[in-house]
Amino acid sequence: MQNPRDFRFSRRVPEGDSLERHVCTDCGWIHYTNPKIVVGAVVTDGEQILLCRRAIAPREGFWTIPAGYMEERETSEAGAMREAMEEACADIRIDALLAVYNIPRISQVQLIYRATLAKPGVSAGPESLEVRMFRWEEIPWNDLAFPSVHWALQHHRSVIGREAFPAFSNPPGELGNY
């Protein structure tokens, strides 16, 4: 497949569609621009919650849960685990899907999991200035990076001890075989 940068695009509604798209003026190929999927986790160790102080834009220097964009050919659970490892050198165990946040103004869908540390110990990865386990009353609420971090932490607290959606991907051997 050609690189979309090799095409000359105009914005119009293609035949059979109802939304304006980027359409190649030479061949009619449609370049779909779709929302990004962010995966992350509220990670706990006992009564403490893992937060990462961002070393990158946007919101450098502010605190967040380990989260980031999904990669191609990975499950959302694997993506959340990878992000925790990249940002906090944290080996985590996914417990359940905590929340799904739709943020259309920035074209994101966020899948946030509930997780625990699988092994003790965390340290800053290349995208974090520092990482730390916080008790609820220690969380730096005024220095959280994004509204969805507030939402996820509050939601996590409201469902502690209650049933959540079990983590689930495609059945083994069925990833992408459709």
Protein backbone atom coordinates (compact mmCIF):
# COMPACT_ATOMS: atom_id res chain seq x y z
CA MET A 1 0.00 0.00 0.00
CA GLN A 2 1.21 3.49 -0.76
CA ASN A 3 2.06 6.02 1.89
CA PRO A 4 -0.84 8.47 2.37
CA ARG A 5 1.72 11.30 2.00
CA ASP A 6 2.12 10.28 -1.67
CA PHE A 7 -1.49 11.23 -2.41
CA ARG A 8 -3.04 14.63 -3.15
CA PHE A 9 -6.11 14.94 -0.94
CA SER A 10 -9.21 17.02 -0.90
CA ARG A 11 -11.88 16.92 1.79
CA ARG A 12 -15.25 15.76 0.51
CA VAL A 13 -18.03 13.27 1.18
CA PRO A 14 -17.24 10.11 -0.82
CA GLU A 15 -20.03 8.33 -2.66
CA GLY A 16 -21.86 5.99 -0.30
CA ASP A 17 -20.62 7.83 2.80
CA SER A 18 -22.18 10.51 4.98
CA LEU A 19 -19.09 12.22 6.41
CA GLU A 20 -16.41 14.38 4.89
CA ARG A 21 -13.15 12.45 4.40
CA HIS A 22 -9.68 12.94 2.91
CA VAL A 23 -10.03 11.63 -0.65
CA CYS A 24 -7.23 11.34 -3.20
CA THR A 25 -7.99 13.71 -6.06
CA ASP A 26 -6.17 11.39 -8.51
CA CYS A 27 -7.50 7.90 -7.71
CA GLY A 28 -10.33 8.31 -5.19
CA TRP A 29 -8.56 6.41 -2.37
CA ILE A 30 -10.04 7.36 1.01
CA HIS A 31 -7.75 8.08 3.97
CA TYR A 32 -9.81 7.50 7.11
CA THR A 33 -8.78 9.45 10.18
CA ASN A 34 -10.07 7.60 13.23
CA PRO A 35 -9.84 8.16 16.98
CA LYS A 36 -6.75 7.02 18.87
CA ILE A 37 -7.14 4.37 21.55
CA VAL A 38 -5.39 5.04 24.85
CA VAL A 39 -4.87 2.19 27.32
CA GLY A 40 -3.79 2.47 30.91
CA ALA A 41 -4.30 1.23 34.44
CA VAL A 42 -4.95 2.35 37.96
CA VAL A 43 -2.28 0.19 39.58
CA THR A 44 -2.42 -0.58 43.29
CA ASP A 45 -0.20 -2.25 45.83
CA GLY A 46 -2.27 -2.71 48.94
CA GLU A 47 -3.73 0.71 49.79
CA GLN A 48 -1.33 2.62 47.54
CA ILE A 49 -1.79 3.84 43.96
CA LEU A 50 0.98 4.14 41.36
CA LEU A 51 1.45 7.53 39.70
CA CYS A 52 4.06 8.65 37.19
CA ARG A 53 5.37 12.20 36.88
CA ARG A 54 5.52 12.93 33.15
CA ALA A 55 8.88 13.65 31.49
CA ILE A 56 7.27 14.38 28.13
CA ALA A 57 4.71 16.72 26.59
CA PRO A 58 1.89 17.21 26.93
CA ARG A 59 1.72 18.18 30.61
CA GLU A 60 5.38 17.51 31.40
CA GLY A 61 5.99 17.51 35.15
CA PHE A 62 2.41 16.56 36.04
CA TRP A 63 1.28 13.25 37.54
CA THR A 64 -0.64 10.56 35.68
CA ILE A 65 -1.50 6.89 35.77
CA PRO A 66 0.62 4.74 33.43
CA ALA A 67 -1.16 5.03 30.08
CA GLY A 68 -0.54 5.67 26.41
CA TYR A 69 -1.52 4.83 22.86
CA MET A 70 -2.17 1.25 21.87
CA GLU A 71 0.18 -0.24 19.32
CA GLU A 72 -0.90 -2.18 16.29
CA ARG A 73 -1.40 -5.92 16.81
CA GLU A 74 -1.67 -5.77 20.61
CA THR A 75 -4.62 -6.32 22.89
CA SER A 76 -5.76 -3.49 25.11
CA GLU A 77 -4.66 -5.47 28.19
CA ALA A 78 -1.20 -6.06 26.73
CA GLY A 79 -0.99 -2.36 25.88
CA ALA A 80 -1.83 -1.33 29.45
CA MET A 81 0.79 -3.76 30.77
CA ARG A 82 3.39 -2.44 28.29
CA GLU A 83 2.67 1.17 29.25
CA ALA A 84 3.11 0.36 32.96
CA MET A 85 6.45 -1.29 32.17
CA GLU A 86 7.63 1.58 29.91
CA GLU A 87 6.62 4.40 32.26
CA ALA A 88 7.14 2.85 35.70
CA CYS A 89 9.18 -0.33 35.15
CA ALA A 90 6.13 -1.96 36.74
CA ASP A 91 5.15 -5.57 36.13
CA ILE A 92 1.37 -5.49 36.59
CA ARG A 93 -1.50 -7.96 36.72
CA ILE A 94 -4.72 -6.76 35.07
CA ASP A 95 -7.76 -7.39 37.25
CA ALA A 96 -10.69 -5.85 35.36
CA LEU A 97 -11.79 -3.13 32.99
CA LEU A 98 -12.39 -0.10 35.19
CA ALA A 99 -13.73 2.45 32.71
CA VAL A 100 -14.12 3.50 29.10
CA TYR A 101 -13.81 7.23 28.49
CA ASN A 102 -14.87 8.82 25.21
CA ILE A 103 -13.13 12.14 24.63
CA PRO A 104 -14.30 13.34 21.21
CA ARG A 105 -12.72 16.81 21.41
CA ILE A 106 -9.28 15.14 21.12
CA SER A 107 -10.47 12.06 19.19
CA GLN A 108 -9.59 9.55 21.90
CA VAL A 109 -11.20 6.52 23.44
CA GLN A 110 -9.52 5.53 26.70
CA LEU A 111 -9.69 2.00 28.15
CA ILE A 112 -8.58 2.10 31.76
CA TYR A 113 -7.99 -1.11 33.70
CA ARG A 114 -7.80 -1.94 37.37
CA ALA A 115 -4.48 -3.65 38.13
CA THR A 116 -2.10 -4.66 40.89
CA LEU A 117 1.67 -4.91 41.01
CA ALA A 118 2.65 -8.45 40.05
CA LYS A 119 6.14 -7.96 41.50
CA PRO A 120 7.28 -5.39 44.05
CA GLY A 121 9.22 -2.36 42.97
CA VAL A 122 8.74 0.48 40.51
CA SER A 123 11.14 3.00 39.00
CA ALA A 124 10.98 5.76 36.43
CA GLY A 125 11.10 4.73 32.80
CA PRO A 126 12.23 7.08 30.01
CA GLU A 127 8.84 8.87 29.84
CA SER A 128 8.71 9.56 33.59
CA LEU A 129 10.65 11.98 35.79
CA GLU A 130 9.72 9.90 38.83
CA VAL A 131 7.19 7.32 39.94
CA ARG A 132 5.70 6.87 43.34
CA MET A 133 3.10 4.89 45.25
CA PHE A 134 0.60 7.26 46.91
CA ARG A 135 -1.92 6.72 49.68
CA TRP A 136 -5.29 8.24 48.73
CA GLU A 137 -4.83 11.29 50.95
CA GLU A 138 -1.36 11.95 49.44
CA ILE A 139 -2.45 12.08 45.78
CA PRO A 140 -1.38 15.45 44.30
CA TRP A 141 -4.85 16.31 42.97
CA ASN A 142 -3.87 19.80 41.76
CA ASP A 143 -0.93 18.40 39.81
CA LEU A 144 -2.68 15.61 37.88
CA ALA A 145 -2.02 15.81 34.15
CA PHE A 146 -5.43 15.13 32.64
CA PRO A 147 -9.13 15.14 33.60
CA SER A 148 -9.33 11.41 32.80
CA VAL A 149 -6.73 10.71 35.52
CA HIS A 150 -9.06 12.38 38.04
CA TRP A 151 -12.01 10.39 36.66
CA ALA A 152 -10.17 7.06 36.79
CA LEU A 153 -8.89 7.57 40.33
CA GLN A 154 -12.30 8.64 41.61
CA HIS A 155 -14.01 5.76 39.79
CA HIS A 156 -11.47 3.29 41.16
CA ARG A 157 -12.18 4.45 44.69
CA SER A 158 -15.94 4.18 44.16
CA VAL A 159 -15.76 0.54 42.99
CA ILE A 160 -13.19 -0.85 45.46
CA GLY A 161 -14.44 -4.23 46.58
CA ARG A 162 -17.21 -4.30 43.98
CA GLU A 163 -17.41 -6.43 40.89
CA ALA A 164 -16.01 -4.87 37.74
CA PHE A 165 -15.88 -6.04 34.15
CA PRO A 166 -13.42 -8.94 33.94
CA ALA A 167 -10.52 -8.30 31.61
CA PHE A 168 -11.27 -10.06 28.33
CA SER A 169 -9.78 -10.16 24.89
CA ASN A 170 -10.47 -12.51 22.04
CA PRO A 171 -10.34 -16.20 22.92
CA PRO A 172 -6.80 -17.67 22.73
CA GLY A 173 -5.79 -18.29 19.14
CA GLU A 174 -8.52 -16.01 17.82
CA LEU A 175 -6.64 -12.69 17.76
CA GLY A 176 -7.21 -11.18 14.38
CA ASN A 177 -8.43 -14.41 12.76
CA TYR A 178 -11.68 -13.21 11.29
